[in-house]
Amino acid sequence: MNRHLTLTDQDIIAGIKQKNKEVEAFFYRTHKDKCIQFALKRFFWKQPDGITIQCDIEDAEEIYNDACVLFVHNVLKERITQLDAKLSTYLITTMRYNWMNKARSTKRTPPVQEEGSSETDSASESMRVNVRKAIHKLDPKCRAMMTYRYILGWEDYDDIAKATGKGNGDVIRNLLSRCRKIFREQYVQTINFSGI
């Protein structure tokens, strides 16, 4: 395929459906630099202990590859037939979600507690720990829904539906309502257990 050929996002979706390897290569190559540079500049995770984890080139390439694989999979499964946003926006959003999961699971040695730390800091840290524990106990579907809505801050339920391949905005609204209820139950159990 001519490297200077321009394909629209819809052309790329059509080519992937036809399992056209040249279109898949074009799709992968065309978006790679933009998405990876965005991740290197904008993706970081500040842990409760104050350590900031910055996305490095290896992480960026890994999450870009994962986002591309997921996109191709969703097109082949007909979960994606067209996009309302740019394809690069879809990839970057998927990368951000994958990066947050990867960064959150990264273990760092906590720094030595400074003398004179306030009880407020301790209480805030305790709450964050309990929230993380409660979220971790949710099933993968609820974890994904809660992440898109409350961590990534997506307000449009239809966008969440498109990103996750779960029905439409009404389905997402109902799922989130159920997930919030489960989360509250898990959070209360976590607080009660940690207070024993």
C-alpha atoms as a PDB file:
ATOM      1  CA  MET A   1       0.000   0.000   0.000  1.00  0.00           C
ATOM      2  CA  ASN A   2       1.241   3.489  -0.832  1.00  0.00           C
ATOM      3  CA  ARG A   3       2.540   5.100   2.390  1.00  0.00           C
ATOM      4  CA  HIS A   4       1.145   8.472   1.261  1.00  0.00           C
ATOM      5  CA  LEU A   5      -2.363   7.124   0.694  1.00  0.00           C
ATOM      6  CA  THR A   6      -4.970   8.703   2.936  1.00  0.00           C
ATOM      7  CA  LEU A   7      -7.789   6.618   4.348  1.00  0.00           C
ATOM      8  CA  THR A   8     -10.691   7.954   6.371  1.00  0.00           C
ATOM      9  CA  ASP A   9     -11.556   6.362   9.702  1.00  0.00           C
ATOM     10  CA  GLN A  10     -14.539   4.705   7.995  1.00  0.00           C
ATOM     11  CA  ASP A  11     -12.225   3.328   5.261  1.00  0.00           C
ATOM     12  CA  ILE A  12     -10.041   1.849   7.994  1.00  0.00           C
ATOM     13  CA  ILE A  13     -13.033   0.222   9.717  1.00  0.00           C
ATOM     14  CA  ALA A  14     -14.190  -1.232   6.372  1.00  0.00           C
ATOM     15  CA  GLY A  15     -10.688  -2.528   5.598  1.00  0.00           C
ATOM     16  CA  ILE A  16     -10.339  -4.150   9.025  1.00  0.00           C
ATOM     17  CA  LYS A  17     -13.728  -5.858   8.551  1.00  0.00           C
ATOM     18  CA  GLN A  18     -12.391  -7.303   5.285  1.00  0.00           C
ATOM     19  CA  LYS A  19      -9.251  -8.422   7.190  1.00  0.00           C
ATOM     20  CA  ASN A  20      -7.109  -6.338   4.831  1.00  0.00           C
ATOM     21  CA  LYS A  21      -3.593  -6.528   6.309  1.00  0.00           C
ATOM     22  CA  GLU A  22      -2.429  -3.447   4.399  1.00  0.00           C
ATOM     23  CA  VAL A  23      -5.237  -1.359   5.896  1.00  0.00           C
ATOM     24  CA  GLU A  24      -4.431  -2.722   9.375  1.00  0.00           C
ATOM     25  CA  ALA A  25      -0.768  -1.771   8.892  1.00  0.00           C
ATOM     26  CA  PHE A  26      -1.787   1.695   7.660  1.00  0.00           C
ATOM     27  CA  PHE A  27      -4.075   2.119  10.689  1.00  0.00           C
ATOM     28  CA  TYR A  28      -1.323   1.057  13.108  1.00  0.00           C
ATOM     29  CA  ARG A  29       1.412   3.173  11.494  1.00  0.00           C
ATOM     30  CA  THR A  30      -0.692   6.324  10.962  1.00  0.00           C
ATOM     31  CA  HIS A  31      -1.749   6.805  14.594  1.00  0.00           C
ATOM     32  CA  LYS A  32       1.305   5.462  16.418  1.00  0.00           C
ATOM     33  CA  ASP A  33       3.473   8.586  16.771  1.00  0.00           C
ATOM     34  CA  LYS A  34       0.611  10.903  17.761  1.00  0.00           C
ATOM     35  CA  CYS A  35      -0.788   8.509  20.369  1.00  0.00           C
ATOM     36  CA  ILE A  36       2.577   7.610  21.883  1.00  0.00           C
ATOM     37  CA  GLN A  37       3.709  11.253  22.102  1.00  0.00           C
ATOM     38  CA  PHE A  38       0.410  12.158  23.774  1.00  0.00           C
ATOM     39  CA  ALA A  39       0.875   9.373  26.336  1.00  0.00           C
ATOM     40  CA  LEU A  40       4.477  10.418  27.092  1.00  0.00           C
ATOM     41  CA  LYS A  41       3.424  14.028  27.706  1.00  0.00           C
ATOM     42  CA  ARG A  42       0.097  13.544  29.470  1.00  0.00           C
ATOM     43  CA  PHE A  43      -0.088  10.151  31.192  1.00  0.00           C
ATOM     44  CA  PHE A  44       1.020  10.094  34.814  1.00  0.00           C
ATOM     45  CA  TRP A  45      -0.271   8.621  38.041  1.00  0.00           C
ATOM     46  CA  LYS A  46       0.225  10.237  41.428  1.00  0.00           C
ATOM     47  CA  GLN A  47       0.161   7.636  44.162  1.00  0.00           C
ATOM     48  CA  PRO A  48      -1.169   8.339  47.652  1.00  0.00           C
ATOM     49  CA  ASP A  49       2.401   8.174  48.967  1.00  0.00           C
ATOM     50  CA  GLY A  50       3.317  11.174  46.793  1.00  0.00           C
ATOM     51  CA  ILE A  51       5.312   9.277  44.161  1.00  0.00           C
ATOM     52  CA  THR A  52       4.384  10.230  40.596  1.00  0.00           C
ATOM     53  CA  ILE A  53       4.671   7.533  37.964  1.00  0.00           C
ATOM     54  CA  GLN A  54       5.228   8.925  34.461  1.00  0.00           C
ATOM     55  CA  CYS A  55       4.424   6.915  31.342  1.00  0.00           C
ATOM     56  CA  ASP A  56       7.673   5.877  29.640  1.00  0.00           C
ATOM     57  CA  ILE A  57       8.268   4.819  26.034  1.00  0.00           C
ATOM     58  CA  GLU A  58       7.964   1.080  26.758  1.00  0.00           C
ATOM     59  CA  ASP A  59       4.654   1.565  28.556  1.00  0.00           C
ATOM     60  CA  ALA A  60       3.379   3.885  25.808  1.00  0.00           C
ATOM     61  CA  GLU A  61       4.189   1.376  23.072  1.00  0.00           C
ATOM     62  CA  GLU A  62       2.639  -1.478  25.047  1.00  0.00           C
ATOM     63  CA  ILE A  63      -0.630   0.328  25.739  1.00  0.00           C
ATOM     64  CA  TYR A  64      -0.756   1.610  22.134  1.00  0.00           C
ATOM     65  CA  ASN A  65      -0.428  -1.955  20.838  1.00  0.00           C
ATOM     66  CA  ASP A  66      -3.129  -3.123  23.269  1.00  0.00           C
ATOM     67  CA  ALA A  67      -5.455  -0.287  22.167  1.00  0.00           C
ATOM     68  CA  CYS A  68      -4.965  -1.188  18.492  1.00  0.00           C
ATOM     69  CA  VAL A  69      -5.620  -4.883  19.153  1.00  0.00           C
ATOM     70  CA  LEU A  70      -8.787  -4.009  21.088  1.00  0.00           C
ATOM     71  CA  PHE A  71      -9.998  -1.713  18.302  1.00  0.00           C
ATOM     72  CA  VAL A  72      -9.463  -4.385  15.621  1.00  0.00           C
ATOM     73  CA  HIS A  73     -11.175  -6.975  17.843  1.00  0.00           C
ATOM     74  CA  ASN A  74     -14.186  -4.688  18.411  1.00  0.00           C
ATOM     75  CA  VAL A  75     -14.490  -3.952  14.681  1.00  0.00           C
ATOM     76  CA  LEU A  76     -14.351  -7.656  13.787  1.00  0.00           C
ATOM     77  CA  LYS A  77     -16.974  -8.418  16.460  1.00  0.00           C
ATOM     78  CA  GLU A  78     -19.098  -5.562  15.020  1.00  0.00           C
ATOM     79  CA  ARG A  79     -19.075  -3.697  18.329  1.00  0.00           C
ATOM     80  CA  ILE A  80     -17.712  -0.746  16.369  1.00  0.00           C
ATOM     81  CA  THR A  81     -19.240   0.073  12.991  1.00  0.00           C
ATOM     82  CA  GLN A  82     -18.559   3.801  12.935  1.00  0.00           C
ATOM     83  CA  LEU A  83     -17.005   6.446  15.161  1.00  0.00           C
ATOM     84  CA  ASP A  84     -18.414   9.794  16.211  1.00  0.00           C
ATOM     85  CA  ALA A  85     -14.988  10.984  17.374  1.00  0.00           C
ATOM     86  CA  LYS A  86     -11.623  10.692  15.625  1.00  0.00           C
ATOM     87  CA  LEU A  87      -9.984   7.274  15.653  1.00  0.00           C
ATOM     88  CA  SER A  88      -6.948   8.747  17.415  1.00  0.00           C
ATOM     89  CA  THR A  89      -9.282   9.997  20.193  1.00  0.00           C
ATOM     90  CA  TYR A  90     -10.674   6.479  20.618  1.00  0.00           C
ATOM     91  CA  LEU A  91      -7.152   5.025  20.808  1.00  0.00           C
ATOM     92  CA  ILE A  92      -5.906   7.654  23.277  1.00  0.00           C
ATOM     93  CA  THR A  93      -8.930   7.118  25.529  1.00  0.00           C
ATOM     94  CA  THR A  94      -8.355   3.358  25.522  1.00  0.00           C
ATOM     95  CA  MET A  95      -4.654   3.933  26.202  1.00  0.00           C
ATOM     96  CA  ARG A  96      -5.454   6.225  29.134  1.00  0.00           C
ATOM     97  CA  TYR A  97      -7.713   3.581  30.668  1.00  0.00           C
ATOM     98  CA  ASN A  98      -5.040   0.875  30.211  1.00  0.00           C
ATOM     99  CA  TRP A  99      -2.347   3.193  31.584  1.00  0.00           C
ATOM    100  CA  MET A 100      -4.352   3.948  34.724  1.00  0.00           C
ATOM    101  CA  ASN A 101      -4.842   0.238  35.379  1.00  0.00           C
ATOM    102  CA  LYS A 102      -1.149  -0.439  34.822  1.00  0.00           C
ATOM    103  CA  ALA A 103       0.023   2.491  36.970  1.00  0.00           C
ATOM    104  CA  ARG A 104      -2.435   1.707  39.746  1.00  0.00           C
ATOM    105  CA  SER A 105      -1.113  -1.843  40.001  1.00  0.00           C
ATOM    106  CA  THR A 106       2.532  -0.682  40.125  1.00  0.00           C
ATOM    107  CA  LYS A 107       3.951  -1.188  43.601  1.00  0.00           C
ATOM    108  CA  ARG A 108       6.343   1.384  45.029  1.00  0.00           C
ATOM    109  CA  THR A 109       8.060   1.381  48.404  1.00  0.00           C
ATOM    110  CA  PRO A 110       6.306   4.012  50.511  1.00  0.00           C
ATOM    111  CA  PRO A 111       8.530   6.824  51.779  1.00  0.00           C
ATOM    112  CA  VAL A 112       9.404   7.046  55.469  1.00  0.00           C
ATOM    113  CA  GLN A 113       6.629   8.862  57.342  1.00  0.00           C
ATOM    114  CA  GLU A 114       7.693  12.393  58.218  1.00  0.00           C
ATOM    115  CA  GLU A 115       7.350  13.494  61.810  1.00  0.00           C
ATOM    116  CA  GLY A 116       4.456  15.843  62.468  1.00  0.00           C
ATOM    117  CA  SER A 117       2.166  14.443  59.729  1.00  0.00           C
ATOM    118  CA  SER A 118      -1.361  15.502  60.498  1.00  0.00           C
ATOM    119  CA  GLU A 119      -4.175  13.146  61.387  1.00  0.00           C
ATOM    120  CA  THR A 120      -6.072  14.584  58.410  1.00  0.00           C
ATOM    121  CA  ASP A 121      -3.450  13.161  56.021  1.00  0.00           C
ATOM    122  CA  SER A 122      -3.772   9.798  57.728  1.00  0.00           C
ATOM    123  CA  ALA A 123      -7.575   9.850  57.496  1.00  0.00           C
ATOM    124  CA  SER A 124      -7.466  10.835  53.803  1.00  0.00           C
ATOM    125  CA  GLU A 125      -5.002   8.068  53.073  1.00  0.00           C
ATOM    126  CA  SER A 126      -7.161   5.574  54.944  1.00  0.00           C
ATOM    127  CA  MET A 127     -10.204   6.622  52.901  1.00  0.00           C
ATOM    128  CA  ARG A 128      -8.275   6.287  49.599  1.00  0.00           C
ATOM    129  CA  VAL A 129      -7.082   2.822  50.604  1.00  0.00           C
ATOM    130  CA  ASN A 130     -10.638   1.744  51.470  1.00  0.00           C
ATOM    131  CA  VAL A 131     -12.016   3.165  48.195  1.00  0.00           C
ATOM    132  CA  ARG A 132      -9.350   1.275  46.211  1.00  0.00           C
ATOM    133  CA  LYS A 133     -10.167  -1.945  48.076  1.00  0.00           C
ATOM    134  CA  ALA A 134     -13.893  -1.515  47.423  1.00  0.00           C
ATOM    135  CA  ILE A 135     -13.343  -0.801  43.703  1.00  0.00           C
ATOM    136  CA  HIS A 136     -11.029  -3.812  43.432  1.00  0.00           C
ATOM    137  CA  LYS A 137     -13.829  -6.068  44.751  1.00  0.00           C
ATOM    138  CA  LEU A 138     -16.193  -5.035  41.934  1.00  0.00           C
ATOM    139  CA  ASP A 139     -16.604  -7.335  38.956  1.00  0.00           C
ATOM    140  CA  PRO A 140     -14.656  -6.258  35.815  1.00  0.00           C
ATOM    141  CA  LYS A 141     -17.763  -4.796  34.153  1.00  0.00           C
ATOM    142  CA  CYS A 142     -18.525  -2.531  37.132  1.00  0.00           C
ATOM    143  CA  ARG A 143     -14.844  -1.574  37.521  1.00  0.00           C
ATOM    144  CA  ALA A 144     -14.816  -0.464  33.877  1.00  0.00           C
ATOM    145  CA  MET A 145     -18.087   1.475  34.172  1.00  0.00           C
ATOM    146  CA  MET A 146     -16.991   3.253  37.368  1.00  0.00           C
ATOM    147  CA  THR A 147     -13.590   4.076  35.834  1.00  0.00           C
ATOM    148  CA  TYR A 148     -15.036   5.645  32.690  1.00  0.00           C
ATOM    149  CA  ARG A 149     -17.656   7.629  34.616  1.00  0.00           C
ATOM    150  CA  TYR A 150     -15.864   8.662  37.797  1.00  0.00           C
ATOM    151  CA  ILE A 151     -12.128   8.422  37.134  1.00  0.00           C
ATOM    152  CA  LEU A 152     -11.973   9.458  33.472  1.00  0.00           C
ATOM    153  CA  GLY A 153     -14.958  11.765  34.048  1.00  0.00           C
ATOM    154  CA  TRP A 154     -17.007  10.767  31.000  1.00  0.00           C
ATOM    155  CA  GLU A 155     -20.475  12.276  31.357  1.00  0.00           C
ATOM    156  CA  ASP A 156     -22.077  11.033  28.136  1.00  0.00           C
ATOM    157  CA  TYR A 157     -23.467   7.541  28.708  1.00  0.00           C
ATOM    158  CA  ASP A 158     -23.606   6.898  24.951  1.00  0.00           C
ATOM    159  CA  ASP A 159     -19.839   7.522  24.712  1.00  0.00           C
ATOM    160  CA  ILE A 160     -19.242   5.011  27.507  1.00  0.00           C
ATOM    161  CA  ALA A 161     -21.470   2.523  25.668  1.00  0.00           C
ATOM    162  CA  LYS A 162     -19.432   2.951  22.481  1.00  0.00           C
ATOM    163  CA  ALA A 163     -16.104   2.622  24.306  1.00  0.00           C
ATOM    164  CA  THR A 164     -17.118  -0.503  26.208  1.00  0.00           C
ATOM    165  CA  GLY A 165     -19.361  -2.114  23.603  1.00  0.00           C
ATOM    166  CA  LYS A 166     -22.172  -2.401  26.178  1.00  0.00           C
ATOM    167  CA  GLY A 167     -25.477  -1.539  24.506  1.00  0.00           C
ATOM    168  CA  ASN A 168     -26.468   2.130  24.625  1.00  0.00           C
ATOM    169  CA  GLY A 169     -26.645   5.057  27.031  1.00  0.00           C
ATOM    170  CA  ASP A 170     -29.725   3.696  28.819  1.00  0.00           C
ATOM    171  CA  VAL A 171     -27.984   0.368  29.427  1.00  0.00           C
ATOM    172  CA  ILE A 172     -24.957   2.207  30.840  1.00  0.00           C
ATOM    173  CA  ARG A 173     -27.158   4.366  33.100  1.00  0.00           C
ATOM    174  CA  ASN A 174     -28.781   1.225  34.537  1.00  0.00           C
ATOM    175  CA  LEU A 175     -25.451  -0.566  34.892  1.00  0.00           C
ATOM    176  CA  LEU A 176     -23.910   2.402  36.698  1.00  0.00           C
ATOM    177  CA  SER A 177     -26.837   2.587  39.079  1.00  0.00           C
ATOM    178  CA  ARG A 178     -26.352  -1.078  39.982  1.00  0.00           C
ATOM    179  CA  CYS A 179     -22.564  -0.671  40.195  1.00  0.00           C
ATOM    180  CA  ARG A 180     -22.840   2.339  42.531  1.00  0.00           C
ATOM    181  CA  LYS A 181     -25.086   0.317  44.849  1.00  0.00           C
ATOM    182  CA  ILE A 182     -22.607  -2.587  44.889  1.00  0.00           C
ATOM    183  CA  PHE A 183     -19.711  -0.176  45.410  1.00  0.00           C
ATOM    184  CA  ARG A 184     -21.421   1.432  48.422  1.00  0.00           C
ATOM    185  CA  GLU A 185     -22.002  -2.016  49.949  1.00  0.00           C
ATOM    186  CA  GLN A 186     -18.380  -3.028  49.353  1.00  0.00           C
ATOM    187  CA  TYR A 187     -17.117   0.279  50.748  1.00  0.00           C
ATOM    188  CA  VAL A 188     -19.155  -0.084  53.953  1.00  0.00           C
ATOM    189  CA  GLN A 189     -17.898  -3.655  54.368  1.00  0.00           C
ATOM    190  CA  THR A 190     -14.326  -2.491  53.786  1.00  0.00           C
ATOM    191  CA  ILE A 191     -14.628   0.264  56.416  1.00  0.00           C
ATOM    192  CA  ASN A 192     -16.218  -2.089  58.927  1.00  0.00           C
ATOM    193  CA  PHE A 193     -13.593  -4.755  58.331  1.00  0.00           C
ATOM    194  CA  SER A 194     -10.660  -2.315  58.530  1.00  0.00           C
ATOM    195  CA  GLY A 195     -12.068  -0.905  61.772  1.00  0.00           C
ATOM    196  CA  ILE A 196     -12.110  -4.263  63.551  1.00  0.00           C
END
